[in-house]
Amino acid sequence: MVYTYVLKSKKDGKWYTGFTRNLRERFKQHNNNKVFSTKGRAPLELIYYEACANEHDAAAREKYLKSGMGKRYLKNRLKRSLSLTGFTLIELLVSIAVIATLAAIILFNIVQYINKGKDASIKGNLVILIPAGEAYYGANANNDSYTDFCSNPVVTNALAQIPSQNKHCKVDTTGNAWAACATLFTNFSSNPKAYCVDSTGAKKEINNSACASNIIACQ
């Protein structure tokens, strides 16, 4: 018997068509780079072969399978198995690079989404201190003063809900002013910011370096 066969290079994905009387030995020669036409393209896999009674018929089938019509026949004949053969080395490297890039983008977006949620929590918990401070100041027991306001349960509970490690509340020595702040999470590495509220009703972002234990105004 004479075999007409088709090989596929796992290196570049290209096909090679030929015929031989000893398919097993010829396949070894291809993968050992002993055949000029496929030298340097190993490893190769056998994706199709057919048996003919003589070399004349095998050569005719080789010529047909190399033609446009023959290639269409093979792709249709092998469409199921070809879909399961995987990637060439180049395709695999490109796929890995694309997946890694997409994973990095997705991870970055997830982190940003989480950080924005944390920032919303920071701002929400700090903003409620403004009306709480006014209520505290107007209470008779405090004699129109903010003294000890930062020790009030409303303040301590609000600060406890803030995920930042750097968070402060401070009343000035006269008891007439206070401020509270906490470090934000978004854009932390490039331009660190903190959110601040104070007794004047200010609520804004400030430089993170200004968010310290001695803060008494949002500046």
N, C-alpha and C. Protein backbone atom coordinates (compact mmCIF):
# COMPACT_ATOMS: atom_id res chain seq x y z
N MET A 1 0.84 -1.21 0.00
CA MET A 1 0.00 0.00 0.00
C MET A 1 0.88 1.26 0.00
N VAL A 2 0.36 2.28 -0.63
CA VAL A 2 1.04 3.58 -0.64
C VAL A 2 0.12 4.58 0.04
N TYR A 3 0.71 5.37 0.96
CA TYR A 3 -0.10 6.27 1.78
C TYR A 3 0.10 7.74 1.37
N THR A 4 -1.00 8.40 1.15
CA THR A 4 -0.98 9.86 0.98
C THR A 4 -1.32 10.45 2.34
N TYR A 5 -0.51 11.39 2.78
CA TYR A 5 -0.69 11.88 4.16
C TYR A 5 -0.57 13.40 4.23
N VAL A 6 -1.12 13.94 5.34
CA VAL A 6 -1.06 15.39 5.59
C VAL A 6 -0.55 15.59 7.01
N LEU A 7 0.48 16.40 7.13
CA LEU A 7 1.05 16.75 8.44
C LEU A 7 0.74 18.21 8.75
N LYS A 8 0.67 18.51 10.03
CA LYS A 8 0.49 19.89 10.46
C LYS A 8 1.60 20.24 11.44
N SER A 9 2.28 21.35 11.18
CA SER A 9 3.36 21.79 12.06
C SER A 9 2.77 22.45 13.31
N LYS A 10 3.22 21.98 14.45
CA LYS A 10 2.79 22.60 15.71
C LYS A 10 3.54 23.91 15.96
N LYS A 11 4.55 24.15 15.14
CA LYS A 11 5.36 25.36 15.29
C LYS A 11 4.75 26.55 14.57
N ASP A 12 4.35 26.31 13.31
CA ASP A 12 3.79 27.43 12.52
C ASP A 12 2.37 27.19 12.04
N GLY A 13 1.82 25.99 12.31
CA GLY A 13 0.44 25.71 11.95
C GLY A 13 0.23 25.35 10.48
N LYS A 14 1.29 25.35 9.67
CA LYS A 14 1.15 25.06 8.24
C LYS A 14 1.09 23.56 7.99
N TRP A 15 0.51 23.22 6.83
CA TRP A 15 0.34 21.81 6.46
C TRP A 15 1.41 21.38 5.46
N TYR A 16 1.67 20.08 5.45
CA TYR A 16 2.55 19.47 4.44
C TYR A 16 1.86 18.20 3.95
N THR A 17 1.81 18.03 2.64
CA THR A 17 1.18 16.85 2.04
C THR A 17 2.22 16.05 1.26
N GLY A 18 2.21 14.73 1.42
CA GLY A 18 3.15 13.88 0.69
C GLY A 18 2.61 12.46 0.58
N PHE A 19 3.42 11.57 0.01
CA PHE A 19 3.01 10.15 -0.03
C PHE A 19 4.23 9.28 0.21
N THR A 20 4.02 8.09 0.74
CA THR A 20 5.11 7.19 1.10
C THR A 20 4.58 5.76 1.22
N ARG A 21 5.51 4.79 1.12
CA ARG A 21 5.12 3.39 1.33
C ARG A 21 5.20 3.02 2.82
N ASN A 22 6.04 3.73 3.57
CA ASN A 22 6.20 3.45 5.00
C ASN A 22 5.83 4.70 5.79
N LEU A 23 4.60 4.80 6.15
CA LEU A 23 4.09 6.01 6.81
C LEU A 23 4.74 6.23 8.17
N ARG A 24 4.92 5.18 8.93
CA ARG A 24 5.50 5.31 10.27
C ARG A 24 6.93 5.84 10.20
N GLU A 25 7.73 5.27 9.29
CA GLU A 25 9.12 5.70 9.17
C GLU A 25 9.22 7.13 8.61
N ARG A 26 8.37 7.42 7.63
CA ARG A 26 8.38 8.76 7.03
C ARG A 26 7.99 9.83 8.06
N PHE A 27 7.05 9.48 8.93
CA PHE A 27 6.62 10.40 9.97
C PHE A 27 7.79 10.70 10.93
N LYS A 28 8.56 9.68 11.27
CA LYS A 28 9.73 9.88 12.13
C LYS A 28 10.76 10.77 11.45
N GLN A 29 10.96 10.57 10.16
CA GLN A 29 11.93 11.38 9.41
C GLN A 29 11.54 12.85 9.42
N HIS A 30 10.27 13.11 9.24
CA HIS A 30 9.79 14.50 9.27
C HIS A 30 10.09 15.14 10.63
N ASN A 31 9.78 14.44 11.70
CA ASN A 31 9.96 15.02 13.03
C ASN A 31 11.41 15.06 13.48
N ASN A 32 12.27 14.32 12.78
CA ASN A 32 13.71 14.38 13.06
C ASN A 32 14.43 15.33 12.12
N ASN A 33 13.65 16.15 11.40
CA ASN A 33 14.21 17.16 10.49
C ASN A 33 15.08 16.56 9.39
N LYS A 34 14.71 15.37 8.92
CA LYS A 34 15.47 14.70 7.85
C LYS A 34 14.80 14.86 6.49
N VAL A 35 13.67 15.60 6.46
CA VAL A 35 12.98 15.87 5.19
C VAL A 35 13.10 17.36 4.92
N PHE A 36 13.68 17.71 3.77
CA PHE A 36 13.98 19.11 3.46
C PHE A 36 12.73 20.00 3.54
N SER A 37 11.61 19.52 3.03
CA SER A 37 10.40 20.35 2.94
C SER A 37 9.85 20.75 4.31
N THR A 38 10.12 19.96 5.34
CA THR A 38 9.58 20.27 6.67
C THR A 38 10.69 20.51 7.70
N LYS A 39 11.91 20.68 7.22
CA LYS A 39 13.03 20.89 8.14
C LYS A 39 12.84 22.19 8.91
N GLY A 40 13.01 22.11 10.23
CA GLY A 40 12.86 23.29 11.07
C GLY A 40 11.42 23.58 11.47
N ARG A 41 10.49 22.73 11.05
CA ARG A 41 9.07 22.98 11.37
C ARG A 41 8.52 21.98 12.37
N ALA A 42 9.37 21.08 12.86
CA ALA A 42 8.95 20.11 13.88
C ALA A 42 8.67 20.83 15.20
N PRO A 43 7.81 20.26 16.04
CA PRO A 43 7.14 18.97 15.88
C PRO A 43 5.95 19.05 14.92
N LEU A 44 5.72 17.93 14.24
CA LEU A 44 4.60 17.84 13.32
C LEU A 44 3.66 16.72 13.79
N GLU A 45 2.39 16.87 13.46
CA GLU A 45 1.41 15.84 13.80
C GLU A 45 0.71 15.36 12.53
N LEU A 46 0.39 14.09 12.52
CA LEU A 46 -0.32 13.50 11.40
C LEU A 46 -1.81 13.77 11.57
N ILE A 47 -2.39 14.55 10.66
CA ILE A 47 -3.80 14.90 10.80
C ILE A 47 -4.70 14.16 9.81
N TYR A 48 -4.08 13.55 8.76
CA TYR A 48 -4.90 12.84 7.78
C TYR A 48 -4.02 11.92 6.94
N TYR A 49 -4.55 10.74 6.62
CA TYR A 49 -3.87 9.88 5.63
C TYR A 49 -4.92 8.97 4.98
N GLU A 50 -4.57 8.48 3.79
CA GLU A 50 -5.42 7.53 3.09
C GLU A 50 -4.52 6.57 2.32
N ALA A 51 -4.98 5.37 2.11
CA ALA A 51 -4.18 4.33 1.46
C ALA A 51 -4.60 4.14 0.01
N CYS A 52 -3.60 3.98 -0.87
CA CYS A 52 -3.84 3.74 -2.29
C CYS A 52 -3.13 2.44 -2.69
N ALA A 53 -3.58 1.86 -3.79
CA ALA A 53 -3.01 0.58 -4.25
C ALA A 53 -1.64 0.75 -4.88
N ASN A 54 -1.35 1.96 -5.45
CA ASN A 54 -0.07 2.15 -6.12
C ASN A 54 0.37 3.61 -6.03
N GLU A 55 1.61 3.87 -6.41
CA GLU A 55 2.17 5.20 -6.30
C GLU A 55 1.49 6.18 -7.23
N HIS A 56 1.06 5.72 -8.41
CA HIS A 56 0.39 6.61 -9.36
C HIS A 56 -0.86 7.22 -8.72
N ASP A 57 -1.67 6.39 -8.07
CA ASP A 57 -2.89 6.89 -7.42
C ASP A 57 -2.55 7.77 -6.22
N ALA A 58 -1.53 7.38 -5.47
CA ALA A 58 -1.13 8.16 -4.29
C ALA A 58 -0.64 9.55 -4.70
N ALA A 59 0.14 9.60 -5.80
CA ALA A 59 0.65 10.88 -6.29
C ALA A 59 -0.49 11.76 -6.78
N ALA A 60 -1.49 11.12 -7.43
CA ALA A 60 -2.64 11.88 -7.91
C ALA A 60 -3.42 12.47 -6.74
N ARG A 61 -3.55 11.68 -5.66
CA ARG A 61 -4.26 12.17 -4.47
C ARG A 61 -3.47 13.29 -3.79
N GLU A 62 -2.13 13.15 -3.80
CA GLU A 62 -1.30 14.21 -3.22
C GLU A 62 -1.52 15.52 -3.97
N LYS A 63 -1.52 15.44 -5.29
CA LYS A 63 -1.71 16.64 -6.11
C LYS A 63 -3.08 17.26 -5.85
N TYR A 64 -4.10 16.41 -5.71
CA TYR A 64 -5.45 16.91 -5.45
C TYR A 64 -5.53 17.59 -4.08
N LEU A 65 -4.98 16.94 -3.07
CA LEU A 65 -5.08 17.49 -1.71
C LEU A 65 -4.30 18.79 -1.55
N LYS A 66 -3.33 19.02 -2.44
CA LYS A 66 -2.58 20.28 -2.40
C LYS A 66 -3.31 21.40 -3.13
N SER A 67 -4.31 21.06 -3.92
CA SER A 67 -5.05 22.07 -4.69
C SER A 67 -6.04 22.80 -3.78
N GLY A 68 -6.58 23.89 -4.30
CA GLY A 68 -7.56 24.65 -3.52
C GLY A 68 -8.77 23.81 -3.17
N MET A 69 -9.25 23.04 -4.13
CA MET A 69 -10.40 22.17 -3.89
C MET A 69 -10.07 21.09 -2.87
N GLY A 70 -8.83 20.55 -2.98
CA GLY A 70 -8.41 19.52 -2.05
C GLY A 70 -8.29 20.04 -0.63
N LYS A 71 -7.77 21.26 -0.50
CA LYS A 71 -7.65 21.86 0.83
C LYS A 71 -9.02 22.12 1.45
N ARG A 72 -9.98 22.52 0.61
CA ARG A 72 -11.34 22.72 1.12
C ARG A 72 -11.95 21.38 1.55
N TYR A 73 -11.64 20.35 0.78
CA TYR A 73 -12.13 19.01 1.12
C TYR A 73 -11.58 18.58 2.48
N LEU A 74 -10.27 18.81 2.69
CA LEU A 74 -9.64 18.42 3.95
C LEU A 74 -10.21 19.20 5.13
N LYS A 75 -10.38 20.50 4.94
CA LYS A 75 -10.89 21.32 6.04
C LYS A 75 -12.31 20.91 6.42
N ASN A 76 -13.08 20.57 5.42
CA ASN A 76 -14.45 20.10 5.70
C ASN A 76 -14.42 18.70 6.31
N ARG A 77 -13.52 17.87 5.79
CA ARG A 77 -13.41 16.50 6.28
C ARG A 77 -12.89 16.45 7.71
N LEU A 78 -12.02 17.40 8.06
CA LEU A 78 -11.36 17.38 9.37
C LEU A 78 -11.85 18.49 10.30
N LYS A 79 -12.98 19.14 9.96
CA LYS A 79 -13.40 20.32 10.72
C LYS A 79 -13.58 20.04 12.21
N ARG A 80 -14.02 18.84 12.54
CA ARG A 80 -14.21 18.52 13.95
C ARG A 80 -12.87 18.31 14.66
N SER A 81 -12.00 17.51 14.06
CA SER A 81 -10.71 17.22 14.70
C SER A 81 -9.81 18.45 14.72
N LEU A 82 -9.88 19.28 13.68
CA LEU A 82 -9.04 20.48 13.64
C LEU A 82 -9.41 21.45 14.74
N SER A 83 -10.70 21.48 15.11
CA SER A 83 -11.14 22.39 16.17
C SER A 83 -10.62 21.95 17.52
N LEU A 84 -10.10 20.70 17.62
CA LEU A 84 -9.62 20.18 18.89
C LEU A 84 -8.10 20.06 18.95
N THR A 85 -7.43 20.50 17.89
CA THR A 85 -5.98 20.29 17.84
C THR A 85 -5.20 21.33 18.63
N GLY A 86 -5.84 22.38 19.09
CA GLY A 86 -5.16 23.37 19.91
C GLY A 86 -4.46 24.44 19.11
N PHE A 87 -3.45 25.08 19.74
CA PHE A 87 -2.77 26.22 19.15
C PHE A 87 -1.36 25.87 18.72
N THR A 88 -0.86 26.61 17.74
CA THR A 88 0.56 26.55 17.45
C THR A 88 1.29 27.33 18.54
N LEU A 89 2.62 27.21 18.57
CA LEU A 89 3.40 27.90 19.59
C LEU A 89 3.18 29.40 19.53
N ILE A 90 3.21 29.96 18.32
CA ILE A 90 3.01 31.40 18.16
C ILE A 90 1.62 31.80 18.61
N GLU A 91 0.62 31.01 18.18
CA GLU A 91 -0.76 31.30 18.59
C GLU A 91 -0.90 31.22 20.10
N LEU A 92 -0.24 30.24 20.70
CA LEU A 92 -0.31 30.08 22.15
C LEU A 92 0.30 31.26 22.88
N LEU A 93 1.47 31.72 22.40
CA LEU A 93 2.14 32.87 23.02
C LEU A 93 1.30 34.13 22.89
N VAL A 94 0.72 34.32 21.70
CA VAL A 94 -0.15 35.49 21.49
C VAL A 94 -1.37 35.41 22.41
N SER A 95 -1.96 34.22 22.49
CA SER A 95 -3.14 34.04 23.33
C SER A 95 -2.83 34.31 24.79
N ILE A 96 -1.68 33.81 25.25
CA ILE A 96 -1.27 34.05 26.64
C ILE A 96 -1.08 35.54 26.89
N ALA A 97 -0.44 36.23 25.93
CA ALA A 97 -0.21 37.67 26.08
C ALA A 97 -1.53 38.43 26.14
N VAL A 98 -2.48 38.06 25.27
CA VAL A 98 -3.78 38.72 25.25
C VAL A 98 -4.53 38.47 26.55
N ILE A 99 -4.51 37.21 27.00
CA ILE A 99 -5.20 36.86 28.25
C ILE A 99 -4.59 37.61 29.43
N ALA A 100 -3.26 37.70 29.46
CA ALA A 100 -2.58 38.40 30.55
C ALA A 100 -2.95 39.88 30.56
N THR A 101 -3.00 40.48 29.35
CA THR A 101 -3.37 41.89 29.25
C THR A 101 -4.80 42.12 29.71
N LEU A 102 -5.71 41.26 29.24
CA LEU A 102 -7.11 41.39 29.64
C LEU A 102 -7.27 41.18 31.14
N ALA A 103 -6.53 40.22 31.69
CA ALA A 103 -6.61 39.96 33.13
C ALA A 103 -6.15 41.17 33.93
N ALA A 104 -5.06 41.81 33.45
CA ALA A 104 -4.54 43.00 34.14
C ALA A 104 -5.55 44.14 34.09
N ILE A 105 -6.19 44.30 32.91
CA ILE A 105 -7.20 45.37 32.77
C ILE A 105 -8.39 45.11 33.68
N ILE A 106 -8.85 43.85 33.68
CA ILE A 106 -10.00 43.49 34.51
C ILE A 106 -9.66 43.67 35.99
N LEU A 107 -8.46 43.22 36.39
CA LEU A 107 -8.05 43.36 37.79
C LEU A 107 -7.96 44.82 38.18
N PHE A 108 -7.41 45.65 37.29
CA PHE A 108 -7.30 47.08 37.57
C PHE A 108 -8.68 47.69 37.76
N ASN A 109 -9.62 47.32 36.87
CA ASN A 109 -10.98 47.86 36.96
C ASN A 109 -11.69 47.40 38.22
N ILE A 110 -11.44 46.14 38.61
CA ILE A 110 -12.05 45.64 39.84
C ILE A 110 -11.52 46.39 41.05
N VAL A 111 -10.19 46.58 41.08
CA VAL A 111 -9.58 47.32 42.19
C VAL A 111 -10.12 48.74 42.25
N GLN A 112 -10.23 49.39 41.07
CA GLN A 112 -10.76 50.75 41.03
C GLN A 112 -12.20 50.79 41.52
N TYR A 113 -12.98 49.80 41.11
CA TYR A 113 -14.38 49.72 41.53
C TYR A 113 -14.47 49.56 43.05
N ILE A 114 -13.64 48.68 43.61
CA ILE A 114 -13.63 48.48 45.06
C ILE A 114 -13.19 49.75 45.78
N ASN A 115 -12.15 50.39 45.25
CA ASN A 115 -11.65 51.61 45.87
C ASN A 115 -12.67 52.75 45.84
N LYS A 116 -13.42 52.83 44.74
CA LYS A 116 -14.46 53.86 44.66
C LYS A 116 -15.54 53.60 45.70
N GLY A 117 -15.84 52.33 45.94
CA GLY A 117 -16.80 51.99 46.99
C GLY A 117 -16.29 52.38 48.36
N LYS A 118 -15.00 52.16 48.60
CA LYS A 118 -14.40 52.55 49.88
C LYS A 118 -14.43 54.07 50.04
N ASP A 119 -14.13 54.78 48.96
CA ASP A 119 -14.14 56.24 49.03
C ASP A 119 -15.54 56.78 49.31
N ALA A 120 -16.56 56.13 48.72
CA ALA A 120 -17.94 56.55 48.98
C ALA A 120 -18.28 56.37 50.46
N SER A 121 -17.79 55.28 51.05
CA SER A 121 -18.01 55.03 52.47
C SER A 121 -17.32 56.09 53.32
N ILE A 122 -16.10 56.43 52.94
CA ILE A 122 -15.35 57.46 53.67
C ILE A 122 -16.10 58.79 53.66
N LYS A 123 -16.50 59.22 52.47
CA LYS A 123 -17.16 60.52 52.32
C LYS A 123 -18.51 60.53 53.04
N GLY A 124 -19.26 59.44 52.90
CA GLY A 124 -20.57 59.37 53.54
C GLY A 124 -20.49 59.44 55.05
N ASN A 125 -19.52 58.71 55.63
CA ASN A 125 -19.38 58.71 57.09
C ASN A 125 -18.83 60.02 57.63
N LEU A 126 -18.01 60.71 56.86
CA LEU A 126 -17.49 62.00 57.31
C LEU A 126 -18.53 63.12 57.20
N VAL A 127 -19.29 63.10 56.12
CA VAL A 127 -20.26 64.17 55.89
C VAL A 127 -21.31 64.24 57.00
N ILE A 128 -21.69 63.09 57.56
CA ILE A 128 -22.72 63.11 58.61
C ILE A 128 -22.22 63.79 59.88
N LEU A 129 -20.91 64.00 59.98
CA LEU A 129 -20.37 64.67 61.16
C LEU A 129 -20.69 66.16 61.17
N ILE A 130 -20.96 66.73 60.00
CA ILE A 130 -21.25 68.18 59.95
C ILE A 130 -22.54 68.50 60.71
N PRO A 131 -23.69 67.89 60.40
CA PRO A 131 -24.89 68.18 61.19
C PRO A 131 -24.76 67.66 62.62
N ALA A 132 -24.01 66.58 62.81
CA ALA A 132 -23.82 66.07 64.17
C ALA A 132 -23.05 67.09 65.02
N GLY A 133 -22.08 67.75 64.40
CA GLY A 133 -21.31 68.76 65.12
C GLY A 133 -22.16 69.95 65.52
N GLU A 134 -23.04 70.38 64.61
CA GLU A 134 -23.92 71.52 64.92
C GLU A 134 -24.88 71.17 66.04
N ALA A 135 -25.40 69.95 66.02
CA ALA A 135 -26.30 69.53 67.09
C ALA A 135 -25.55 69.46 68.42
N TYR A 136 -24.31 68.98 68.38
CA TYR A 136 -23.50 68.89 69.59
C TYR A 136 -23.19 70.28 70.14
N TYR A 137 -22.84 71.21 69.25
CA TYR A 137 -22.48 72.58 69.66
C TYR A 137 -23.67 73.29 70.31
N GLY A 138 -24.86 73.02 69.79
CA GLY A 138 -26.05 73.73 70.30
C GLY A 138 -26.65 73.14 71.55
N ALA A 139 -26.12 71.99 71.98
CA ALA A 139 -26.67 71.37 73.18
C ALA A 139 -26.26 72.17 74.42
N ASN A 140 -27.18 72.37 75.33
CA ASN A 140 -26.91 73.18 76.53
C ASN A 140 -25.77 72.62 77.37
N ALA A 141 -25.68 71.30 77.46
CA ALA A 141 -24.68 70.68 78.31
C ALA A 141 -23.26 71.00 77.87
N ASN A 142 -23.11 71.36 76.59
CA ASN A 142 -21.77 71.63 76.06
C ASN A 142 -21.42 73.12 76.04
N ASN A 143 -22.34 73.96 76.49
CA ASN A 143 -22.07 75.41 76.60
C ASN A 143 -21.55 76.00 75.29
N ASP A 144 -22.24 75.70 74.20
CA ASP A 144 -21.85 76.21 72.88
C ASP A 144 -20.37 75.99 72.59
N SER A 145 -19.98 74.74 72.68
CA SER A 145 -18.57 74.39 72.45
C SER A 145 -18.51 73.03 71.75
N TYR A 146 -17.42 72.83 70.99
CA TYR A 146 -17.18 71.53 70.35
C TYR A 146 -16.29 70.63 71.22
N THR A 147 -15.95 71.09 72.41
CA THR A 147 -15.07 70.31 73.28
C THR A 147 -15.57 68.87 73.43
N ASP A 148 -14.66 67.94 73.26
CA ASP A 148 -14.94 66.49 73.35
C ASP A 148 -15.86 65.98 72.24
N PHE A 149 -16.10 66.80 71.21
CA PHE A 149 -16.97 66.33 70.12
C PHE A 149 -16.40 65.07 69.46
N CYS A 150 -15.09 65.01 69.30
CA CYS A 150 -14.48 63.86 68.62
C CYS A 150 -14.58 62.57 69.43
N SER A 151 -14.95 62.69 70.70
CA SER A 151 -15.16 61.50 71.53
C SER A 151 -16.62 61.08 71.56
N ASN A 152 -17.47 61.88 70.91
CA ASN A 152 -18.89 61.57 70.87
C ASN A 152 -19.12 60.26 70.12
N PRO A 153 -20.06 59.42 70.57
CA PRO A 153 -20.33 58.14 69.90
C PRO A 153 -20.65 58.27 68.41
N VAL A 154 -21.28 59.38 68.02
CA VAL A 154 -21.59 59.56 66.60
C VAL A 154 -20.29 59.62 65.79
N VAL A 155 -19.30 60.31 66.34
CA VAL A 155 -18.02 60.45 65.64
C VAL A 155 -17.24 59.14 65.68
N THR A 156 -17.13 58.53 66.83
CA THR A 156 -16.34 57.30 66.94
C THR A 156 -16.94 56.18 66.09
N ASN A 157 -18.28 56.12 66.05
CA ASN A 157 -18.92 55.10 65.21
C ASN A 157 -18.68 55.35 63.73
N ALA A 158 -18.76 56.65 63.33
CA ALA A 158 -18.53 57.00 61.93
C ALA A 158 -17.09 56.66 61.52
N LEU A 159 -16.13 57.00 62.37
CA LEU A 159 -14.73 56.70 62.05
C LEU A 159 -14.47 55.20 62.02
N ALA A 160 -15.19 54.46 62.85
CA ALA A 160 -15.01 53.00 62.87
C ALA A 160 -15.47 52.36 61.56
N GLN A 161 -16.41 53.01 60.87
CA GLN A 161 -16.93 52.48 59.60
C GLN A 161 -16.04 52.82 58.42
N ILE A 162 -15.06 53.67 58.65
CA ILE A 162 -14.17 54.11 57.56
C ILE A 162 -13.02 53.13 57.40
N PRO A 163 -12.80 52.59 56.18
CA PRO A 163 -11.77 51.56 55.98
C PRO A 163 -10.33 52.07 55.98
N SER A 164 -10.12 53.38 55.94
CA SER A 164 -8.75 53.92 55.91
C SER A 164 -8.04 53.70 57.25
N GLN A 165 -6.74 53.48 57.16
CA GLN A 165 -5.93 53.42 58.38
C GLN A 165 -5.63 54.82 58.89
N ASN A 166 -5.48 55.75 57.97
CA ASN A 166 -5.17 57.13 58.33
C ASN A 166 -6.46 57.94 58.41
N LYS A 167 -6.97 58.16 59.62
CA LYS A 167 -8.21 58.90 59.83
C LYS A 167 -8.12 59.62 61.17
N HIS A 168 -8.61 60.85 61.18
CA HIS A 168 -8.44 61.68 62.37
C HIS A 168 -9.65 62.58 62.60
N CYS A 169 -9.85 62.95 63.87
CA CYS A 169 -10.81 63.99 64.24
C CYS A 169 -10.17 64.80 65.35
N LYS A 170 -10.23 66.11 65.22
CA LYS A 170 -9.54 66.98 66.18
C LYS A 170 -10.36 68.23 66.45
N VAL A 171 -10.50 68.59 67.72
CA VAL A 171 -11.13 69.85 68.13
C VAL A 171 -10.01 70.80 68.56
N ASP A 172 -10.08 72.07 68.13
CA ASP A 172 -9.01 73.00 68.51
C ASP A 172 -9.08 73.31 70.01
N THR A 173 -8.04 73.93 70.52
CA THR A 173 -7.91 74.15 71.97
C THR A 173 -8.98 75.07 72.53
N THR A 174 -9.58 75.92 71.68
CA THR A 174 -10.63 76.84 72.16
C THR A 174 -11.99 76.16 72.20
N GLY A 175 -12.12 75.02 71.54
CA GLY A 175 -13.42 74.35 71.48
C GLY A 175 -14.36 74.97 70.45
N ASN A 176 -13.85 75.87 69.63
CA ASN A 176 -14.69 76.57 68.67
C ASN A 176 -14.62 76.00 67.25
N ALA A 177 -13.78 75.03 67.01
CA ALA A 177 -13.64 74.47 65.67
C ALA A 177 -13.19 73.01 65.77
N TRP A 178 -13.53 72.28 64.74
CA TRP A 178 -13.11 70.87 64.65
C TRP A 178 -12.96 70.50 63.18
N ALA A 179 -12.27 69.42 62.94
CA ALA A 179 -12.14 68.88 61.58
C ALA A 179 -11.91 67.37 61.68
N ALA A 180 -12.32 66.69 60.63
CA ALA A 180 -12.11 65.24 60.56
C ALA A 180 -11.69 64.89 59.13
N CYS A 181 -10.85 63.88 58.98
CA CYS A 181 -10.36 63.50 57.65
C CYS A 181 -10.01 62.02 57.60
N ALA A 182 -9.89 61.53 56.37
CA ALA A 182 -9.47 60.14 56.16
C ALA A 182 -8.88 60.01 54.76
N THR A 183 -7.87 59.17 54.63
CA THR A 183 -7.20 58.97 53.34
C THR A 183 -8.12 58.24 52.37
N LEU A 184 -8.16 58.74 51.13
CA LEU A 184 -8.94 58.09 50.07
C LEU A 184 -8.12 56.99 49.40
N PHE A 185 -8.79 56.09 48.69
CA PHE A 185 -8.12 54.94 48.07
C PHE A 185 -7.83 55.14 46.58
N THR A 186 -8.69 55.85 45.85
CA THR A 186 -8.47 56.01 44.42
C THR A 186 -7.31 56.96 44.17
N ASN A 187 -6.51 56.61 43.13
CA ASN A 187 -5.33 57.40 42.74
C ASN A 187 -4.35 57.58 43.89
N PHE A 188 -4.32 56.59 44.78
CA PHE A 188 -3.47 56.74 45.96
C PHE A 188 -1.98 56.81 45.61
N SER A 189 -1.53 55.94 44.69
CA SER A 189 -0.11 55.87 44.41
C SER A 189 0.42 57.09 43.66
N SER A 190 -0.40 57.63 42.74
CA SER A 190 0.07 58.74 41.92
C SER A 190 -0.13 60.11 42.57
N ASN A 191 -1.24 60.27 43.26
CA ASN A 191 -1.54 61.57 43.85
C ASN A 191 -2.42 61.37 45.08
N PRO A 192 -1.83 60.94 46.20
CA PRO A 192 -2.63 60.61 47.38
C PRO A 192 -3.44 61.79 47.90
N LYS A 193 -4.72 61.53 48.13
CA LYS A 193 -5.64 62.55 48.63
C LYS A 193 -6.36 62.03 49.87
N ALA A 194 -6.92 62.96 50.62
CA ALA A 194 -7.76 62.62 51.77
C ALA A 194 -9.03 63.44 51.65
N TYR A 195 -10.08 62.97 52.31
CA TYR A 195 -11.34 63.72 52.32
C TYR A 195 -11.49 64.35 53.69
N CYS A 196 -11.94 65.59 53.71
CA CYS A 196 -11.99 66.35 54.95
C CYS A 196 -13.33 67.07 55.12
N VAL A 197 -13.81 67.12 56.35
CA VAL A 197 -14.98 67.94 56.71
C VAL A 197 -14.61 68.71 57.97
N ASP A 198 -15.25 69.89 58.14
CA ASP A 198 -14.95 70.64 59.37
C ASP A 198 -16.17 71.43 59.84
N SER A 199 -15.97 72.15 60.91
CA SER A 199 -17.07 72.86 61.58
C SER A 199 -17.63 74.02 60.75
N THR A 200 -16.94 74.46 59.72
CA THR A 200 -17.46 75.53 58.87
C THR A 200 -18.42 74.97 57.81
N GLY A 201 -18.55 73.66 57.75
CA GLY A 201 -19.39 73.03 56.73
C GLY A 201 -18.62 72.61 55.49
N ALA A 202 -17.30 72.80 55.52
CA ALA A 202 -16.46 72.41 54.38
C ALA A 202 -16.44 70.89 54.25
N LYS A 203 -16.46 70.44 53.00
CA LYS A 203 -16.32 69.01 52.71
C LYS A 203 -15.62 68.91 51.37
N LYS A 204 -14.37 68.50 51.40
CA LYS A 204 -13.58 68.52 50.17
C LYS A 204 -12.36 67.60 50.29
N GLU A 205 -11.72 67.39 49.13
CA GLU A 205 -10.49 66.63 49.12
C GLU A 205 -9.32 67.54 49.45
N ILE A 206 -8.37 67.00 50.20
CA ILE A 206 -7.16 67.74 50.56
C ILE A 206 -5.96 66.82 50.30
N ASN A 207 -4.77 67.40 50.34
CA ASN A 207 -3.57 66.58 50.22
C ASN A 207 -3.50 65.62 51.40
N ASN A 208 -3.12 64.40 51.13
CA ASN A 208 -3.10 63.39 52.20
C ASN A 208 -2.16 63.78 53.33
N SER A 209 -1.10 64.52 53.00
CA SER A 209 -0.15 64.93 54.03
C SER A 209 -0.78 65.85 55.07
N ALA A 210 -1.88 66.53 54.68
CA ALA A 210 -2.54 67.43 55.61
C ALA A 210 -3.49 66.70 56.55
N CYS A 211 -3.78 65.45 56.24
CA CYS A 211 -4.69 64.66 57.08
C CYS A 211 -3.84 64.05 58.21
N ALA A 212 -3.77 64.78 59.30
CA ALA A 212 -2.92 64.35 60.44
C ALA A 212 -3.68 64.56 61.74
N SER A 213 -3.08 64.13 62.82
CA SER A 213 -3.76 64.18 64.12
C SER A 213 -3.98 65.60 64.64
N ASN A 214 -3.30 66.58 64.05
CA ASN A 214 -3.44 67.96 64.51
C ASN A 214 -4.35 68.79 63.60
N ILE A 215 -5.09 68.16 62.71
CA ILE A 215 -5.95 68.89 61.76
C ILE A 215 -7.11 69.55 62.50
N ILE A 216 -7.37 70.83 62.21
CA ILE A 216 -8.52 71.53 62.80
C ILE A 216 -9.33 72.29 61.75
N ALA A 217 -8.90 72.17 60.47
CA ALA A 217 -9.63 72.81 59.39
C ALA A 217 -9.22 72.15 58.08
N CYS A 218 -10.15 72.16 57.12
CA CYS A 218 -9.87 71.57 55.81
C CYS A 218 -9.14 72.59 54.94
N GLN A 219 -7.85 72.48 54.85
CA GLN A 219 -7.06 73.44 54.07
C GLN A 219 -6.20 72.72 53.05
